[in-house]
Amino acid sequence: MLALVTPARTANAQWARQTTFDVGGIRLTRDDFADTDGVNVAGLWGRWNERVSLIASGAITHISDGRSTGLALASASYTVPVHRVRLEAGSTATILGTSDQRASSSWLGFGRAHVLGQGRGVWLGVGGGTVHLETENVGASTGEVGGWLRRGEQRLTLSAATVRTSTVSTVIFSDETVLRVRDPVGYTDVSLAGHGVWRQLEVDAVAISRHAWKGNLASMPTAMLSGAWWFTPYVGVAGAIGRQLSDPLRGTARARYATVALRLSAERHGPVRARTTPPRVAVGDASIVAASADGGAAMIRVHAAGARTVEIMGDLTAWTPVALARRGDRWEVRLTTTPGAHHVVVRIDGGAWAAPANLPRIDDELGGTVGLLVVP
């Protein structure tokens, strides 16, 4: 099952979120056994804001020959903004268990530097940690570089990740002596990933080219396609098809798969129904100001008397919608950002995004108009 985190539809204060649960069928072919059918249950939980990212996912597969496989992944990171640069540090952990086999697990720490622009960004990262295979612990190191482009709900990502670690194989001699053999491996995966949303339909596609330069792994291409159709805002049908490459960091084998599942979500998906009443306050009647706050933060205030909800989005929120809290006839949010000019737009009562009337307006690179907000 391929799990990709997509932009959340809602924000709770400054937190974006995604929570889904899948249950369905799977058709699986691995190198060590023939095609099998089974039942697959998977879940995804994510919470993130401009500083903290928390992601956890897991899947349990029971196939027709009686074997079961469980996989759990977790990732946590903390980001520090420095002008247009974001410095990120965090760790990931995985555990894989299969019937009649010892569980494998891994722990990796990583650091990344991101450079963000409007609707685009690049990053560079390194990492290292420990992989537990069979009864052996082996070291692992990683390096990565990539870039992304986003326009609305569509996103394209190109990346290259290099991995150095070891695989462990078991040799049992006639006298029942067991020998664990380590084989150092090194490879680079170059991947192109696309994500798109069209009304109720979400689609993710990934193409990977593996280039192995050490050890017993094969150099080969692969591709994966997954999607979900939301026939209600919280219930959809999800499917995926593709070939996964072996992953020495998680202990997974090369396999082909096809899945179909019922997907439940705690967040709303698909198009928002047309409003039955117009917004009480037009964006042109709202004004926005920024003031310095303690700890290098800024207090963003929007004056919009009578509004039900107020949201802002811009380079100071990494172009993620952020909801403001009501304070009488004004709305406020505290953000950690850098002094200077920032691009920003405002949304009132769920209406259209637009530049507030009191700000200078400039054209952005996507053909839209944004306001120029100066943070002291």
Protein backbone atom coordinates (compact mmCIF):
# COMPACT_ATOMS: atom_id res chain seq x y z
CA MET A 1 0.00 0.00 0.00
CA LEU A 2 1.43 3.38 -1.03
CA ALA A 3 0.65 6.17 1.46
CA LEU A 4 1.31 9.78 0.51
CA VAL A 5 0.52 12.78 2.68
CA THR A 6 -1.56 15.31 0.77
CA PRO A 7 -2.35 18.91 1.76
CA ALA A 8 -4.93 18.99 4.55
CA ARG A 9 -8.27 20.57 3.81
CA THR A 10 -8.77 22.19 7.19
CA ALA A 11 -6.70 23.92 9.83
CA ASN A 12 -7.23 23.95 13.57
CA ALA A 13 -5.56 27.22 14.64
CA GLN A 14 -2.12 26.77 13.03
CA TRP A 15 -2.27 22.96 12.79
CA ALA A 16 -3.04 21.17 9.53
CA ARG A 17 -4.22 17.60 9.83
CA GLN A 18 -4.99 14.39 8.00
CA THR A 19 -6.50 11.18 9.39
CA THR A 20 -7.61 8.29 7.16
CA PHE A 21 -8.50 4.62 7.63
CA ASP A 22 -8.62 2.05 4.79
CA VAL A 23 -10.02 -1.48 4.69
CA GLY A 24 -10.07 -3.53 1.52
CA GLY A 25 -8.54 -6.26 -0.61
CA ILE A 26 -5.05 -6.73 -2.04
CA ARG A 27 -3.48 -8.77 -4.85
CA LEU A 28 0.21 -9.34 -4.08
CA THR A 29 3.15 -10.95 -5.89
CA ARG A 30 6.54 -11.19 -4.20
CA ASP A 31 9.73 -12.80 -5.45
CA ASP A 32 9.47 -15.58 -2.84
CA PHE A 33 5.90 -16.78 -3.55
CA ALA A 34 3.18 -16.80 -6.21
CA ASP A 35 0.28 -14.40 -6.65
CA THR A 36 -1.93 -14.26 -3.56
CA ASP A 37 -5.09 -12.46 -2.52
CA GLY A 38 -5.65 -11.00 0.91
CA VAL A 39 -7.20 -8.40 3.17
CA ASN A 40 -5.44 -5.14 3.89
CA VAL A 41 -6.13 -2.63 6.69
CA ALA A 42 -4.20 0.65 6.77
CA GLY A 43 -4.27 3.95 8.62
CA LEU A 44 -2.60 7.36 8.32
CA TRP A 45 -2.36 10.09 10.97
CA GLY A 46 -0.66 13.45 10.44
CA ARG A 47 -0.41 16.79 12.22
CA TRP A 48 1.85 19.62 11.12
CA ASN A 49 2.33 23.37 11.27
CA GLU A 50 5.11 25.79 10.34
CA ARG A 51 7.43 24.33 13.02
CA VAL A 52 6.41 20.76 13.88
CA SER A 53 5.55 17.75 11.70
CA LEU A 54 4.19 14.48 13.12
CA ILE A 55 3.31 11.59 10.77
CA ALA A 56 2.39 8.00 11.59
CA SER A 57 1.06 5.23 9.35
CA GLY A 58 0.60 1.50 9.49
CA ALA A 59 -0.79 -1.44 7.53
CA ILE A 60 -1.67 -5.06 8.27
CA THR A 61 -2.02 -7.55 5.41
CA HIS A 62 -3.35 -11.11 5.75
CA ILE A 63 -2.94 -13.19 2.59
CA SER A 64 -4.63 -16.41 1.49
CA ASP A 65 -1.72 -18.73 2.38
CA GLY A 66 -2.20 -17.79 6.04
CA ARG A 67 0.75 -15.44 6.41
CA SER A 68 0.35 -11.94 7.80
CA THR A 69 2.53 -8.85 7.53
CA GLY A 70 2.42 -5.71 9.64
CA LEU A 71 4.28 -2.48 8.90
CA ALA A 72 4.36 0.68 11.04
CA LEU A 73 6.15 3.95 10.25
CA ALA A 74 6.52 7.14 12.27
CA SER A 75 8.26 10.45 11.58
CA ALA A 76 8.73 13.59 13.67
CA SER A 77 10.61 16.78 12.83
CA TYR A 78 11.11 20.35 14.00
CA THR A 79 11.78 23.27 11.65
CA VAL A 80 13.48 26.61 12.35
CA PRO A 81 12.81 29.44 9.82
CA VAL A 82 15.74 31.67 8.84
CA HIS A 83 14.58 34.24 6.28
CA ARG A 84 13.57 32.15 3.23
CA VAL A 85 15.46 29.11 4.55
CA ARG A 86 13.92 26.42 6.74
CA LEU A 87 16.29 24.23 8.80
CA GLU A 88 14.66 20.90 9.68
CA ALA A 89 15.81 18.13 12.03
CA GLY A 90 13.97 14.95 12.90
CA SER A 91 13.87 11.18 12.90
CA THR A 92 11.95 8.27 11.41
CA ALA A 93 11.30 4.80 12.80
CA THR A 94 9.87 1.68 11.17
CA ILE A 95 9.06 -1.86 12.24
CA LEU A 96 8.10 -4.75 9.95
CA GLY A 97 6.81 -8.10 11.15
CA THR A 98 5.94 -11.16 9.03
CA SER A 99 4.60 -14.54 10.13
CA ASP A 100 7.37 -17.11 10.84
CA GLN A 101 10.08 -14.46 10.45
CA ARG A 102 11.95 -12.23 12.84
CA ALA A 103 10.80 -8.60 12.90
CA SER A 104 13.04 -5.98 11.30
CA SER A 105 13.21 -2.36 12.34
CA SER A 106 15.12 0.83 11.71
CA TRP A 107 15.77 4.23 13.24
CA LEU A 108 17.18 7.14 11.23
CA GLY A 109 17.90 10.71 12.20
CA PHE A 110 18.01 13.38 9.49
CA GLY A 111 18.67 17.04 8.85
CA ARG A 112 17.44 19.10 5.91
CA ALA A 113 17.80 22.65 4.64
CA HIS A 114 14.85 23.99 2.61
CA VAL A 115 14.83 27.13 0.46
CA LEU A 116 11.26 28.27 -0.20
CA GLY A 117 9.78 30.52 -2.85
CA GLN A 118 6.22 31.22 -3.88
CA GLY A 119 4.82 27.92 -5.09
CA ARG A 120 8.23 26.22 -5.24
CA GLY A 121 11.13 25.06 -3.12
CA VAL A 122 14.32 22.98 -3.00
CA TRP A 123 15.95 20.99 -0.23
CA LEU A 124 19.19 19.20 0.66
CA GLY A 125 19.46 16.62 3.43
CA VAL A 126 21.61 13.98 5.12
CA GLY A 127 20.79 11.24 7.61
CA GLY A 128 22.05 8.18 9.41
CA GLY A 129 21.03 5.53 11.88
CA THR A 130 20.69 1.82 12.60
CA VAL A 131 18.83 -1.01 10.85
CA HIS A 132 17.97 -4.24 12.71
CA LEU A 133 17.75 -7.27 10.39
CA GLU A 134 17.43 -10.83 11.64
CA THR A 135 19.63 -10.71 14.75
CA GLU A 136 22.09 -8.19 13.30
CA ASN A 137 22.37 -4.43 13.65
CA VAL A 138 23.85 -2.61 10.67
CA GLY A 139 24.55 1.07 10.10
CA ALA A 140 22.90 3.20 7.44
CA SER A 141 23.56 6.63 5.94
CA THR A 142 21.49 8.65 3.50
CA GLY A 143 21.78 11.78 1.40
CA GLU A 144 19.04 13.53 -0.55
CA VAL A 145 18.39 16.49 -2.81
CA GLY A 146 15.14 17.58 -4.39
CA GLY A 147 12.80 20.29 -5.52
CA TRP A 148 9.05 20.85 -5.86
CA LEU A 149 6.57 23.02 -7.70
CA ARG A 150 2.97 23.68 -6.66
CA ARG A 151 0.08 25.41 -8.34
CA GLY A 152 -3.18 25.26 -6.45
CA GLU A 153 -3.91 21.61 -5.58
CA GLN A 154 -1.38 20.26 -8.11
CA ARG A 155 2.19 19.44 -7.01
CA LEU A 156 5.27 18.00 -8.74
CA THR A 157 8.37 16.75 -6.87
CA LEU A 158 11.73 15.59 -8.25
CA SER A 159 14.27 14.06 -5.86
CA ALA A 160 17.33 11.84 -5.62
CA ALA A 161 18.17 9.82 -2.49
CA THR A 162 21.40 7.87 -1.93
CA VAL A 163 21.51 5.03 0.62
CA ARG A 164 24.49 3.13 2.07
CA THR A 165 23.73 0.15 4.33
CA SER A 166 23.96 -3.67 4.38
CA THR A 167 21.63 -6.57 3.77
CA VAL A 168 21.75 -9.70 5.94
CA SER A 169 21.28 -13.23 4.57
CA THR A 170 21.08 -16.47 6.55
CA VAL A 171 23.06 -19.63 5.64
CA ILE A 172 22.21 -22.89 7.45
CA PHE A 173 24.79 -25.70 7.11
CA SER A 174 24.11 -29.43 7.27
CA ASP A 175 25.22 -29.53 10.89
CA GLU A 176 22.58 -26.86 11.65
CA THR A 177 25.20 -24.17 12.09
CA VAL A 178 23.65 -20.77 11.30
CA LEU A 179 25.74 -18.11 9.62
CA ARG A 180 24.62 -14.50 9.14
CA VAL A 181 26.25 -12.89 6.10
CA ARG A 182 26.37 -9.14 5.68
CA ASP A 183 26.48 -7.72 2.18
CA PRO A 184 27.16 -3.95 1.94
CA VAL A 185 24.88 -2.21 -0.57
CA GLY A 186 24.73 1.26 -2.04
CA TYR A 187 22.17 2.71 -4.41
CA THR A 188 20.52 5.93 -5.57
CA ASP A 189 16.79 6.27 -6.22
CA VAL A 190 15.76 9.09 -8.55
CA SER A 191 12.02 9.73 -8.25
CA LEU A 192 9.43 11.94 -9.90
CA ALA A 193 6.16 12.27 -7.97
CA GLY A 194 2.98 14.09 -8.93
CA HIS A 195 -0.11 14.90 -6.86
CA GLY A 196 -3.34 16.33 -8.22
CA VAL A 197 -6.87 17.07 -7.03
CA TRP A 198 -9.84 17.54 -9.34
CA ARG A 199 -13.06 18.01 -7.36
CA GLN A 200 -13.75 14.63 -5.66
CA LEU A 201 -10.76 12.89 -7.27
CA GLU A 202 -7.25 12.76 -5.78
CA VAL A 203 -4.41 11.11 -7.73
CA ASP A 204 -0.78 10.36 -6.83
CA ALA A 205 1.75 8.98 -9.32
CA VAL A 206 5.39 8.06 -8.64
CA ALA A 207 8.12 6.93 -11.04
CA ILE A 208 11.44 5.69 -9.62
CA SER A 209 14.70 4.74 -11.29
CA ARG A 210 17.10 2.80 -9.06
CA HIS A 211 20.83 2.90 -9.75
CA ALA A 212 22.70 0.33 -7.64
CA TRP A 213 26.45 0.78 -7.50
CA LYS A 214 27.37 -1.64 -4.71
CA GLY A 215 26.07 -5.00 -3.50
CA ASN A 216 23.43 -7.40 -4.75
CA LEU A 217 20.54 -5.00 -5.51
CA ALA A 218 19.40 -4.67 -9.11
CA SER A 219 19.25 -1.39 -11.01
CA MET A 220 15.73 -1.05 -12.40
CA PRO A 221 12.81 1.35 -12.90
CA THR A 222 9.40 1.13 -11.28
CA ALA A 223 6.16 3.08 -11.07
CA MET A 224 3.16 3.37 -8.74
CA LEU A 225 -0.27 4.94 -9.14
CA SER A 226 -2.84 5.56 -6.41
CA GLY A 227 -6.05 7.53 -6.15
CA ALA A 228 -9.19 8.16 -4.17
CA TRP A 229 -12.71 9.17 -5.23
CA TRP A 230 -14.67 10.91 -2.44
CA PHE A 231 -18.36 10.20 -2.98
CA THR A 232 -19.06 11.99 0.32
CA PRO A 233 -16.72 14.52 2.01
CA TYR A 234 -15.62 11.85 4.52
CA VAL A 235 -16.04 8.51 2.70
CA GLY A 236 -14.32 7.44 -0.50
CA VAL A 237 -13.02 4.53 -2.56
CA ALA A 238 -9.23 4.23 -2.81
CA GLY A 239 -7.10 2.13 -5.11
CA ALA A 240 -3.43 1.60 -5.90
CA ILE A 241 -1.34 -0.40 -8.35
CA GLY A 242 2.36 -0.68 -8.93
CA ARG A 243 5.66 -2.35 -8.11
CA GLN A 244 7.61 -1.52 -4.96
CA LEU A 245 11.39 -1.94 -4.90
CA SER A 246 13.13 -3.76 -2.08
CA ASP A 247 13.93 -1.43 0.81
CA PRO A 248 16.91 -2.50 2.96
CA LEU A 249 16.11 0.25 5.47
CA ARG A 250 12.69 -1.27 6.25
CA GLY A 251 13.31 -4.90 5.35
CA THR A 252 10.62 -5.03 2.64
CA ALA A 253 11.03 -7.19 -0.47
CA ARG A 254 10.39 -6.35 -4.10
CA ALA A 255 6.75 -6.96 -4.96
CA ARG A 256 3.90 -6.13 -7.32
CA TYR A 257 0.56 -5.14 -5.81
CA ALA A 258 -2.96 -3.96 -6.56
CA THR A 259 -5.38 -2.78 -3.88
CA VAL A 260 -8.92 -1.44 -3.59
CA ALA A 261 -10.33 -0.18 -0.30
CA LEU A 262 -13.03 1.82 1.40
CA ARG A 263 -11.42 4.98 2.83
CA LEU A 264 -12.75 6.91 5.82
CA SER A 265 -11.42 10.36 6.69
CA ALA A 266 -11.73 12.60 9.73
CA GLU A 267 -11.19 15.67 7.51
CA ARG A 268 -13.33 16.95 4.67
CA HIS A 269 -12.37 16.12 1.08
CA GLY A 270 -13.77 17.05 -2.28
CA PRO A 271 -15.36 20.34 -3.36
CA VAL A 272 -17.06 22.52 -0.79
CA ARG A 273 -20.76 22.96 -1.43
CA ALA A 274 -21.91 26.31 -2.74
CA ARG A 275 -22.64 28.84 -0.03
CA THR A 276 -26.29 29.46 0.70
CA THR A 277 -25.52 32.96 2.03
CA PRO A 278 -22.83 35.39 0.87
CA PRO A 279 -19.94 36.36 3.19
CA ARG A 280 -20.87 39.07 5.67
CA VAL A 281 -17.63 40.97 5.05
CA ALA A 282 -15.88 41.39 1.71
CA VAL A 283 -12.07 41.17 1.64
CA GLY A 284 -12.04 44.70 0.30
CA ASP A 285 -13.61 45.90 3.57
CA ALA A 286 -10.93 44.18 5.71
CA SER A 287 -7.52 45.53 6.67
CA ILE A 288 -4.41 43.77 7.94
CA VAL A 289 -1.46 44.96 10.04
CA ALA A 290 1.61 43.27 11.54
CA ALA A 291 3.24 44.10 14.87
CA SER A 292 6.37 42.77 16.57
CA ALA A 293 5.94 40.23 19.38
CA ASP A 294 8.25 38.58 21.88
CA GLY A 295 10.66 35.87 20.83
CA GLY A 296 11.14 37.09 17.27
CA ALA A 297 7.51 36.45 16.40
CA ALA A 298 4.96 38.72 14.73
CA MET A 299 1.33 39.35 15.64
CA ILE A 300 -0.87 39.51 12.53
CA ARG A 301 -4.16 41.37 13.03
CA VAL A 302 -7.05 41.57 10.57
CA HIS A 303 -9.88 44.08 11.17
CA ALA A 304 -13.08 42.54 9.80
CA ALA A 305 -16.03 43.41 12.02
CA GLY A 306 -18.92 40.99 11.59
CA ALA A 307 -16.89 38.21 9.96
CA ARG A 308 -17.53 34.60 10.94
CA THR A 309 -14.09 33.27 9.98
CA VAL A 310 -10.82 34.84 8.83
CA GLU A 311 -7.85 33.02 7.28
CA ILE A 312 -4.52 34.20 5.88
CA MET A 313 -2.06 32.55 3.53
CA GLY A 314 1.30 33.66 2.20
CA ASP A 315 5.03 33.09 2.24
CA LEU A 316 5.02 33.69 5.99
CA THR A 317 2.78 30.56 6.38
CA ALA A 318 4.57 28.53 3.67
CA TRP A 319 1.39 29.12 1.58
CA THR A 320 -0.68 27.03 3.97
CA PRO A 321 -4.06 28.48 5.09
CA VAL A 322 -3.97 29.58 8.75
CA ALA A 323 -7.11 30.43 10.73
CA LEU A 324 -7.12 33.52 12.96
CA ALA A 325 -8.70 33.77 16.42
CA ARG A 326 -11.40 36.36 17.11
CA ARG A 327 -10.54 39.22 19.50
CA GLY A 328 -13.61 41.46 19.56
CA ASP A 329 -13.99 43.04 16.12
CA ARG A 330 -10.52 41.96 15.01
CA TRP A 331 -8.80 38.64 14.33
CA GLU A 332 -5.28 37.67 15.41
CA VAL A 333 -2.62 35.02 14.93
CA ARG A 334 0.95 34.83 16.22
CA LEU A 335 3.50 33.62 13.65
CA THR A 336 7.23 33.07 13.72
CA THR A 337 8.58 34.85 10.68
CA THR A 338 11.28 37.26 9.56
CA PRO A 339 11.04 41.06 9.37
CA GLY A 340 10.50 42.59 5.96
CA ALA A 341 8.02 42.44 3.11
CA HIS A 342 5.85 39.33 2.73
CA HIS A 343 3.25 38.26 0.17
CA VAL A 344 -0.15 37.57 1.71
CA VAL A 345 -3.80 37.02 0.83
CA VAL A 346 -6.87 36.86 3.10
CA ARG A 347 -10.08 34.83 3.01
CA ILE A 348 -13.23 35.98 4.82
CA ASP A 349 -16.10 33.60 5.68
CA GLY A 350 -14.81 30.96 3.27
CA GLY A 351 -14.99 33.27 0.25
CA ALA A 352 -12.32 33.94 -2.36
CA TRP A 353 -8.68 34.61 -1.50
CA ALA A 354 -7.73 38.24 -2.18
CA ALA A 355 -5.35 40.99 -1.12
CA PRO A 356 -6.66 43.24 1.71
CA ALA A 357 -7.64 46.73 0.60
CA ASN A 358 -5.07 48.54 2.80
CA LEU A 359 -2.03 46.77 1.30
CA PRO A 360 -0.06 47.57 -1.85
CA ARG A 361 -0.83 44.97 -4.51
CA ILE A 362 1.58 43.18 -6.80
CA ASP A 363 1.19 40.43 -9.40
CA ASP A 364 2.55 37.05 -8.39
CA GLU A 365 4.30 34.57 -10.67
CA LEU A 366 1.14 32.48 -11.10
CA GLY A 367 -0.94 35.24 -12.63
CA GLY A 368 -2.70 36.26 -9.42
CA THR A 369 -2.54 39.31 -7.14
CA VAL A 370 -1.16 39.37 -3.60
CA GLY A 371 -0.80 42.02 -0.94
CA LEU A 372 2.58 43.25 0.29
CA LEU A 373 2.62 43.11 4.11
CA VAL A 374 5.58 44.60 5.96
CA VAL A 375 6.54 42.88 9.22
CA PRO A 376 8.53 45.26 11.47
